[in-house]
Amino acid sequence: MAKTVLRSSFGPIDPEESVISEIEQIDEAPSGTRRARKKERTRREIYRTAMRLFSERGYDGVTIEDICGGAGVAKATFFLHFENKAALLQDFNEEITLSLVERLAGHQGNAEEQLLLLLSAFREAWESNAPVMQKMLREFIDQPTILSKAAAVNESIVDLVTQIVRRGQERGELRDGIAPEIAAISIVSTWSAIAAWWPEHPDADTNGASRQILDITLNGLKKRA
């Protein structure tokens, strides 16, 4: 079976060296903080192990038992952090978001250019991981409680878009009167709808879709005189 190489928007995702795997260890931290850090390290290890196994065996070829065995945790521990395999989607999105935060820190473009960079980066990351992401997303969408889970999965992305919109308004690039959070939810929810549609239309022009999403958000549908 061909090996699927998991990639972020900026290159291969190394499960052992990913951005979100960097966990600072403070031995003299209060016990509550140590417990929180240990819990976070366990979550990261489960995520890294799952992504490594997906790259080796494909999404359907990996069970929760396989992930637990690779991460050295009990099934109860897995379910403490993730409801199922599809719940790993949240950590995948967070990894890409953190990479984008670093990249945007030195980006000199305006708000529109930054939003286009963000949408393009997520599109590239998802397409680079297409065999895994299509199946993971399909399983996520098929959950009966998807509406209650969607907000958490997209939280990091919405926060980043909100910051971009707010800065654009402060610099006079985007008009006032629209709450940055509402604008961010609009952009991200529209992209999420495209992502949900994508598994059934794998040959679709998602790059063009990303640009149209941004065009509709910034300029609307009303025909100009």
C-alpha atoms as a PDB file:
ATOM      1  CA  MET A   1       0.000   0.000   0.000  1.00  0.00           C
ATOM      2  CA  ALA A   2       1.320   3.452  -0.931  1.00  0.00           C
ATOM      3  CA  LYS A   3       2.378   5.609   1.971  1.00  0.00           C
ATOM      4  CA  THR A   4       0.422   8.807   2.553  1.00  0.00           C
ATOM      5  CA  VAL A   5       2.728  11.668   3.540  1.00  0.00           C
ATOM      6  CA  LEU A   6       0.939  14.030   5.878  1.00  0.00           C
ATOM      7  CA  ARG A   7       1.771  17.636   5.166  1.00  0.00           C
ATOM      8  CA  SER A   8       1.049  20.997   6.656  1.00  0.00           C
ATOM      9  CA  SER A   9       0.552  24.008   4.408  1.00  0.00           C
ATOM     10  CA  PHE A  10       4.292  24.624   4.565  1.00  0.00           C
ATOM     11  CA  GLY A  11       5.673  21.094   4.146  1.00  0.00           C
ATOM     12  CA  PRO A  12       5.526  17.585   5.616  1.00  0.00           C
ATOM     13  CA  ILE A  13       4.108  17.207   9.088  1.00  0.00           C
ATOM     14  CA  ASP A  14       6.717  15.448  11.180  1.00  0.00           C
ATOM     15  CA  PRO A  15       4.721  13.893  14.044  1.00  0.00           C
ATOM     16  CA  GLU A  16       7.826  14.020  16.208  1.00  0.00           C
ATOM     17  CA  GLU A  17       8.683  17.672  15.509  1.00  0.00           C
ATOM     18  CA  SER A  18       5.348  19.386  14.883  1.00  0.00           C
ATOM     19  CA  VAL A  19       4.692  22.881  16.132  1.00  0.00           C
ATOM     20  CA  ILE A  20       2.127  21.819  18.692  1.00  0.00           C
ATOM     21  CA  SER A  21       4.369  19.060  20.027  1.00  0.00           C
ATOM     22  CA  GLU A  22       6.685  21.552  21.722  1.00  0.00           C
ATOM     23  CA  ILE A  23       5.670  21.277  25.370  1.00  0.00           C
ATOM     24  CA  GLU A  24       7.679  23.285  27.859  1.00  0.00           C
ATOM     25  CA  GLN A  25       8.507  21.286  30.963  1.00  0.00           C
ATOM     26  CA  ILE A  26       8.772  23.079  34.302  1.00  0.00           C
ATOM     27  CA  ASP A  27       9.696  20.690  37.063  1.00  0.00           C
ATOM     28  CA  GLU A  28       9.030  23.140  39.849  1.00  0.00           C
ATOM     29  CA  ALA A  29       5.579  24.193  38.656  1.00  0.00           C
ATOM     30  CA  PRO A  30       2.611  23.834  41.046  1.00  0.00           C
ATOM     31  CA  SER A  31       1.052  20.380  41.080  1.00  0.00           C
ATOM     32  CA  GLY A  32      -2.076  21.606  39.279  1.00  0.00           C
ATOM     33  CA  THR A  33       0.038  23.052  36.482  1.00  0.00           C
ATOM     34  CA  ARG A  34       2.110  19.863  36.260  1.00  0.00           C
ATOM     35  CA  ARG A  35      -1.058  17.804  35.928  1.00  0.00           C
ATOM     36  CA  ALA A  36      -2.343  20.100  33.208  1.00  0.00           C
ATOM     37  CA  ARG A  37       0.953  19.870  31.330  1.00  0.00           C
ATOM     38  CA  LYS A  38       1.014  16.099  31.666  1.00  0.00           C
ATOM     39  CA  LYS A  39      -2.528  15.937  30.305  1.00  0.00           C
ATOM     40  CA  GLU A  40      -1.543  18.154  27.391  1.00  0.00           C
ATOM     41  CA  ARG A  41       1.561  16.048  26.662  1.00  0.00           C
ATOM     42  CA  THR A  42      -0.595  12.937  26.597  1.00  0.00           C
ATOM     43  CA  ARG A  43      -3.027  14.555  24.161  1.00  0.00           C
ATOM     44  CA  ARG A  44      -0.162  15.606  21.887  1.00  0.00           C
ATOM     45  CA  GLU A  45       1.332  12.115  21.974  1.00  0.00           C
ATOM     46  CA  ILE A  46      -2.007  10.571  21.005  1.00  0.00           C
ATOM     47  CA  TYR A  47      -2.335  13.061  18.148  1.00  0.00           C
ATOM     48  CA  ARG A  48       1.240  12.550  16.902  1.00  0.00           C
ATOM     49  CA  THR A  49       0.870   8.788  17.048  1.00  0.00           C
ATOM     50  CA  ALA A  50      -2.430   8.852  15.179  1.00  0.00           C
ATOM     51  CA  MET A  51      -1.062  11.053  12.399  1.00  0.00           C
ATOM     52  CA  ARG A  52       2.025   8.866  12.046  1.00  0.00           C
ATOM     53  CA  LEU A  53      -0.095   5.728  11.771  1.00  0.00           C
ATOM     54  CA  PHE A  54      -2.461   7.380   9.296  1.00  0.00           C
ATOM     55  CA  SER A  55       0.527   8.248   7.112  1.00  0.00           C
ATOM     56  CA  GLU A  56       1.741   4.649   7.222  1.00  0.00           C
ATOM     57  CA  ARG A  57      -1.524   2.712   6.933  1.00  0.00           C
ATOM     58  CA  GLY A  58      -4.200   5.127   5.783  1.00  0.00           C
ATOM     59  CA  TYR A  59      -7.128   6.371   7.850  1.00  0.00           C
ATOM     60  CA  ASP A  60      -9.270   3.229   7.591  1.00  0.00           C
ATOM     61  CA  GLY A  61      -6.290   1.010   8.351  1.00  0.00           C
ATOM     62  CA  VAL A  62      -5.824   2.443  11.844  1.00  0.00           C
ATOM     63  CA  THR A  63      -8.032   1.634  14.816  1.00  0.00           C
ATOM     64  CA  ILE A  64      -8.288   3.426  18.123  1.00  0.00           C
ATOM     65  CA  GLU A  65      -6.627   0.372  19.648  1.00  0.00           C
ATOM     66  CA  ASP A  66      -3.680   0.857  17.274  1.00  0.00           C
ATOM     67  CA  ILE A  67      -3.355   4.491  18.306  1.00  0.00           C
ATOM     68  CA  CYS A  68      -3.510   3.625  21.994  1.00  0.00           C
ATOM     69  CA  GLY A  69      -0.898   0.922  21.562  1.00  0.00           C
ATOM     70  CA  GLY A  70       1.450   3.268  19.711  1.00  0.00           C
ATOM     71  CA  ALA A  71       0.993   6.062  22.234  1.00  0.00           C
ATOM     72  CA  GLY A  72       1.227   3.758  25.238  1.00  0.00           C
ATOM     73  CA  VAL A  73      -2.122   4.770  26.707  1.00  0.00           C
ATOM     74  CA  ALA A  74      -5.319   2.994  27.655  1.00  0.00           C
ATOM     75  CA  LYS A  75      -8.490   3.368  25.595  1.00  0.00           C
ATOM     76  CA  ALA A  76     -10.063   5.251  28.464  1.00  0.00           C
ATOM     77  CA  THR A  77      -7.275   7.813  28.187  1.00  0.00           C
ATOM     78  CA  PHE A  78      -7.880   8.207  24.452  1.00  0.00           C
ATOM     79  CA  PHE A  79     -11.571   8.849  25.043  1.00  0.00           C
ATOM     80  CA  LEU A  80     -10.716  11.344  27.778  1.00  0.00           C
ATOM     81  CA  HIS A  81      -9.152  13.501  25.053  1.00  0.00           C
ATOM     82  CA  PHE A  82     -10.939  12.503  21.838  1.00  0.00           C
ATOM     83  CA  GLU A  83     -14.431  11.173  21.280  1.00  0.00           C
ATOM     84  CA  ASN A  84     -13.320   9.262  18.180  1.00  0.00           C
ATOM     85  CA  LYS A  85     -10.730   9.382  15.381  1.00  0.00           C
ATOM     86  CA  ALA A  86     -12.557  12.215  13.647  1.00  0.00           C
ATOM     87  CA  ALA A  87     -12.082  14.424  16.714  1.00  0.00           C
ATOM     88  CA  LEU A  88      -8.387  14.609  15.816  1.00  0.00           C
ATOM     89  CA  LEU A  89      -9.508  17.130  13.189  1.00  0.00           C
ATOM     90  CA  GLN A  90      -9.410  19.864  15.840  1.00  0.00           C
ATOM     91  CA  ASP A  91      -5.718  19.310  16.558  1.00  0.00           C
ATOM     92  CA  PHE A  92      -4.931  19.167  12.835  1.00  0.00           C
ATOM     93  CA  ASN A  93      -6.566  22.588  12.387  1.00  0.00           C
ATOM     94  CA  GLU A  94      -4.775  23.971  15.429  1.00  0.00           C
ATOM     95  CA  GLU A  95      -1.406  22.850  14.072  1.00  0.00           C
ATOM     96  CA  ILE A  96      -1.928  24.673  10.797  1.00  0.00           C
ATOM     97  CA  THR A  97      -3.252  27.747  12.619  1.00  0.00           C
ATOM     98  CA  LEU A  98      -0.155  27.950  14.808  1.00  0.00           C
ATOM     99  CA  SER A  99       2.074  27.721  11.743  1.00  0.00           C
ATOM    100  CA  LEU A 100       0.099  30.536  10.140  1.00  0.00           C
ATOM    101  CA  VAL A 101       0.390  32.727  13.244  1.00  0.00           C
ATOM    102  CA  GLU A 102       4.178  32.506  12.943  1.00  0.00           C
ATOM    103  CA  ARG A 103       4.117  33.230   9.228  1.00  0.00           C
ATOM    104  CA  LEU A 104       1.713  36.163   9.509  1.00  0.00           C
ATOM    105  CA  ALA A 105       3.855  37.756  12.219  1.00  0.00           C
ATOM    106  CA  GLY A 106       6.251  38.931   9.511  1.00  0.00           C
ATOM    107  CA  HIS A 107       3.709  39.402   6.741  1.00  0.00           C
ATOM    108  CA  GLN A 108       3.463  42.971   5.443  1.00  0.00           C
ATOM    109  CA  GLY A 109       0.345  42.521   3.311  1.00  0.00           C
ATOM    110  CA  ASN A 110      -3.049  44.046   3.924  1.00  0.00           C
ATOM    111  CA  ALA A 111      -6.018  42.265   5.505  1.00  0.00           C
ATOM    112  CA  GLU A 112      -7.313  40.923   2.194  1.00  0.00           C
ATOM    113  CA  GLU A 113      -3.918  39.447   1.320  1.00  0.00           C
ATOM    114  CA  GLN A 114      -3.594  37.882   4.764  1.00  0.00           C
ATOM    115  CA  LEU A 115      -7.063  36.356   4.572  1.00  0.00           C
ATOM    116  CA  LEU A 116      -6.286  34.934   1.134  1.00  0.00           C
ATOM    117  CA  LEU A 117      -3.025  33.501   2.483  1.00  0.00           C
ATOM    118  CA  LEU A 118      -4.928  31.856   5.337  1.00  0.00           C
ATOM    119  CA  LEU A 119      -7.583  30.306   3.094  1.00  0.00           C
ATOM    120  CA  SER A 120      -4.974  29.141   0.594  1.00  0.00           C
ATOM    121  CA  ALA A 121      -2.817  27.625   3.342  1.00  0.00           C
ATOM    122  CA  PHE A 122      -5.692  25.599   4.752  1.00  0.00           C
ATOM    123  CA  ARG A 123      -6.713  24.496   1.279  1.00  0.00           C
ATOM    124  CA  GLU A 124      -3.172  23.341   0.496  1.00  0.00           C
ATOM    125  CA  ALA A 125      -2.827  21.531   3.821  1.00  0.00           C
ATOM    126  CA  TRP A 126      -6.106  19.693   3.379  1.00  0.00           C
ATOM    127  CA  GLU A 127      -5.387  18.790  -0.230  1.00  0.00           C
ATOM    128  CA  SER A 128      -1.879  17.580   0.634  1.00  0.00           C
ATOM    129  CA  ASN A 129      -3.491  15.197   3.119  1.00  0.00           C
ATOM    130  CA  ALA A 130      -6.484  14.435   0.917  1.00  0.00           C
ATOM    131  CA  PRO A 131      -6.784  10.637   1.431  1.00  0.00           C
ATOM    132  CA  VAL A 132      -6.785  11.024   5.217  1.00  0.00           C
ATOM    133  CA  MET A 133      -8.634  14.314   5.529  1.00  0.00           C
ATOM    134  CA  GLN A 134     -11.508  13.333   3.237  1.00  0.00           C
ATOM    135  CA  LYS A 135     -12.262  10.267   5.338  1.00  0.00           C
ATOM    136  CA  MET A 136     -11.705  12.036   8.636  1.00  0.00           C
ATOM    137  CA  LEU A 137     -13.989  14.873   7.576  1.00  0.00           C
ATOM    138  CA  ARG A 138     -16.662  12.488   6.328  1.00  0.00           C
ATOM    139  CA  GLU A 139     -16.653  10.662   9.663  1.00  0.00           C
ATOM    140  CA  PHE A 140     -16.793  14.011  11.483  1.00  0.00           C
ATOM    141  CA  ILE A 141     -19.751  15.229   9.408  1.00  0.00           C
ATOM    142  CA  ASP A 142     -21.661  11.991   9.925  1.00  0.00           C
ATOM    143  CA  GLN A 143     -21.729  12.464  13.697  1.00  0.00           C
ATOM    144  CA  PRO A 144     -25.244  13.188  15.013  1.00  0.00           C
ATOM    145  CA  THR A 145     -23.924  15.983  17.238  1.00  0.00           C
ATOM    146  CA  ILE A 146     -21.836  17.744  14.595  1.00  0.00           C
ATOM    147  CA  LEU A 147     -23.298  21.206  15.238  1.00  0.00           C
ATOM    148  CA  SER A 148     -22.150  21.200  18.835  1.00  0.00           C
ATOM    149  CA  LYS A 149     -18.665  20.050  17.817  1.00  0.00           C
ATOM    150  CA  ALA A 150     -18.044  22.297  14.810  1.00  0.00           C
ATOM    151  CA  ALA A 151     -17.410  25.413  16.901  1.00  0.00           C
ATOM    152  CA  ALA A 152     -14.649  23.746  18.915  1.00  0.00           C
ATOM    153  CA  VAL A 153     -12.969  22.319  15.825  1.00  0.00           C
ATOM    154  CA  ASN A 154     -12.806  25.758  14.177  1.00  0.00           C
ATOM    155  CA  GLU A 155     -12.122  27.832  17.291  1.00  0.00           C
ATOM    156  CA  SER A 156      -8.428  28.493  16.603  1.00  0.00           C
ATOM    157  CA  ILE A 157      -9.116  29.437  12.974  1.00  0.00           C
ATOM    158  CA  VAL A 158     -11.947  31.798  13.917  1.00  0.00           C
ATOM    159  CA  ASP A 159      -9.727  33.499  16.499  1.00  0.00           C
ATOM    160  CA  LEU A 160      -6.992  34.094  13.914  1.00  0.00           C
ATOM    161  CA  VAL A 161      -9.406  35.445  11.279  1.00  0.00           C
ATOM    162  CA  THR A 162     -10.964  37.710  13.909  1.00  0.00           C
ATOM    163  CA  GLN A 163      -7.553  39.246  14.621  1.00  0.00           C
ATOM    164  CA  ILE A 164      -6.895  39.824  10.915  1.00  0.00           C
ATOM    165  CA  VAL A 165     -10.286  41.494  10.406  1.00  0.00           C
ATOM    166  CA  ARG A 166      -9.877  43.667  13.492  1.00  0.00           C
ATOM    167  CA  ARG A 167      -6.445  44.884  12.361  1.00  0.00           C
ATOM    168  CA  GLY A 168      -7.826  45.560   8.899  1.00  0.00           C
ATOM    169  CA  GLN A 169     -10.562  47.727  10.390  1.00  0.00           C
ATOM    170  CA  GLU A 170      -8.083  49.599  12.573  1.00  0.00           C
ATOM    171  CA  ARG A 171      -5.917  50.355   9.524  1.00  0.00           C
ATOM    172  CA  GLY A 172      -8.901  51.497   7.469  1.00  0.00           C
ATOM    173  CA  GLU A 173      -8.656  48.569   5.020  1.00  0.00           C
ATOM    174  CA  LEU A 174     -12.023  47.105   6.007  1.00  0.00           C
ATOM    175  CA  ARG A 175     -15.163  49.018   6.857  1.00  0.00           C
ATOM    176  CA  ASP A 176     -16.340  49.550  10.393  1.00  0.00           C
ATOM    177  CA  GLY A 177     -19.725  48.517  11.699  1.00  0.00           C
ATOM    178  CA  ILE A 178     -19.193  44.774  11.294  1.00  0.00           C
ATOM    179  CA  ALA A 179     -18.131  42.830  14.380  1.00  0.00           C
ATOM    180  CA  PRO A 180     -14.784  41.126  13.612  1.00  0.00           C
ATOM    181  CA  GLU A 181     -16.032  37.929  15.250  1.00  0.00           C
ATOM    182  CA  ILE A 182     -19.101  37.804  12.991  1.00  0.00           C
ATOM    183  CA  ALA A 183     -16.980  38.406   9.903  1.00  0.00           C
ATOM    184  CA  ALA A 184     -14.612  35.637  11.001  1.00  0.00           C
ATOM    185  CA  ILE A 185     -17.433  33.178  11.618  1.00  0.00           C
ATOM    186  CA  SER A 186     -18.838  33.997   8.181  1.00  0.00           C
ATOM    187  CA  ILE A 187     -15.535  33.325   6.424  1.00  0.00           C
ATOM    188  CA  VAL A 188     -14.676  30.164   8.353  1.00  0.00           C
ATOM    189  CA  SER A 189     -18.176  28.672   8.204  1.00  0.00           C
ATOM    190  CA  THR A 190     -18.259  29.212   4.439  1.00  0.00           C
ATOM    191  CA  TRP A 191     -14.888  27.521   4.056  1.00  0.00           C
ATOM    192  CA  SER A 192     -16.125  24.685   6.282  1.00  0.00           C
ATOM    193  CA  ALA A 193     -19.096  24.224   3.977  1.00  0.00           C
ATOM    194  CA  ILE A 194     -16.736  24.011   0.983  1.00  0.00           C
ATOM    195  CA  ALA A 195     -14.571  21.522   2.897  1.00  0.00           C
ATOM    196  CA  ALA A 196     -17.633  19.388   3.667  1.00  0.00           C
ATOM    197  CA  TRP A 197     -18.616  19.477  -0.020  1.00  0.00           C
ATOM    198  CA  TRP A 198     -15.084  18.686  -1.197  1.00  0.00           C
ATOM    199  CA  PRO A 199     -14.968  14.909  -0.345  1.00  0.00           C
ATOM    200  CA  GLU A 200     -17.861  14.343  -2.755  1.00  0.00           C
ATOM    201  CA  HIS A 201     -16.224  16.524  -5.433  1.00  0.00           C
ATOM    202  CA  PRO A 202     -12.478  15.772  -5.150  1.00  0.00           C
ATOM    203  CA  ASP A 203     -11.711  17.341  -8.542  1.00  0.00           C
ATOM    204  CA  ALA A 204     -13.275  20.691  -7.656  1.00  0.00           C
ATOM    205  CA  ASP A 205     -11.248  23.894  -7.995  1.00  0.00           C
ATOM    206  CA  THR A 206     -10.818  24.624  -4.305  1.00  0.00           C
ATOM    207  CA  ASN A 207      -8.314  27.396  -5.023  1.00  0.00           C
ATOM    208  CA  GLY A 208     -10.943  29.209  -7.042  1.00  0.00           C
ATOM    209  CA  ALA A 209     -13.483  28.509  -4.300  1.00  0.00           C
ATOM    210  CA  SER A 210     -11.208  30.085  -1.685  1.00  0.00           C
ATOM    211  CA  ARG A 211     -10.876  33.232  -3.759  1.00  0.00           C
ATOM    212  CA  GLN A 212     -14.620  33.407  -4.355  1.00  0.00           C
ATOM    213  CA  ILE A 213     -15.298  33.012  -0.623  1.00  0.00           C
ATOM    214  CA  LEU A 214     -13.116  36.020   0.071  1.00  0.00           C
ATOM    215  CA  ASP A 215     -14.581  38.001  -2.832  1.00  0.00           C
ATOM    216  CA  ILE A 216     -18.142  37.397  -1.600  1.00  0.00           C
ATOM    217  CA  THR A 217     -17.165  38.311   1.972  1.00  0.00           C
ATOM    218  CA  LEU A 218     -15.449  41.554   1.002  1.00  0.00           C
ATOM    219  CA  ASN A 219     -17.585  42.660  -1.929  1.00  0.00           C
ATOM    220  CA  GLY A 220     -20.909  40.852  -1.607  1.00  0.00           C
ATOM    221  CA  LEU A 221     -23.128  39.524  -4.386  1.00  0.00           C
ATOM    222  CA  LYS A 222     -24.788  42.783  -5.397  1.00  0.00           C
ATOM    223  CA  LYS A 223     -23.923  43.804  -8.948  1.00  0.00           C
ATOM    224  CA  ARG A 224     -21.972  47.017  -9.103  1.00  0.00           C
ATOM    225  CA  ALA A 225     -23.139  49.891 -11.260  1.00  0.00           C
END
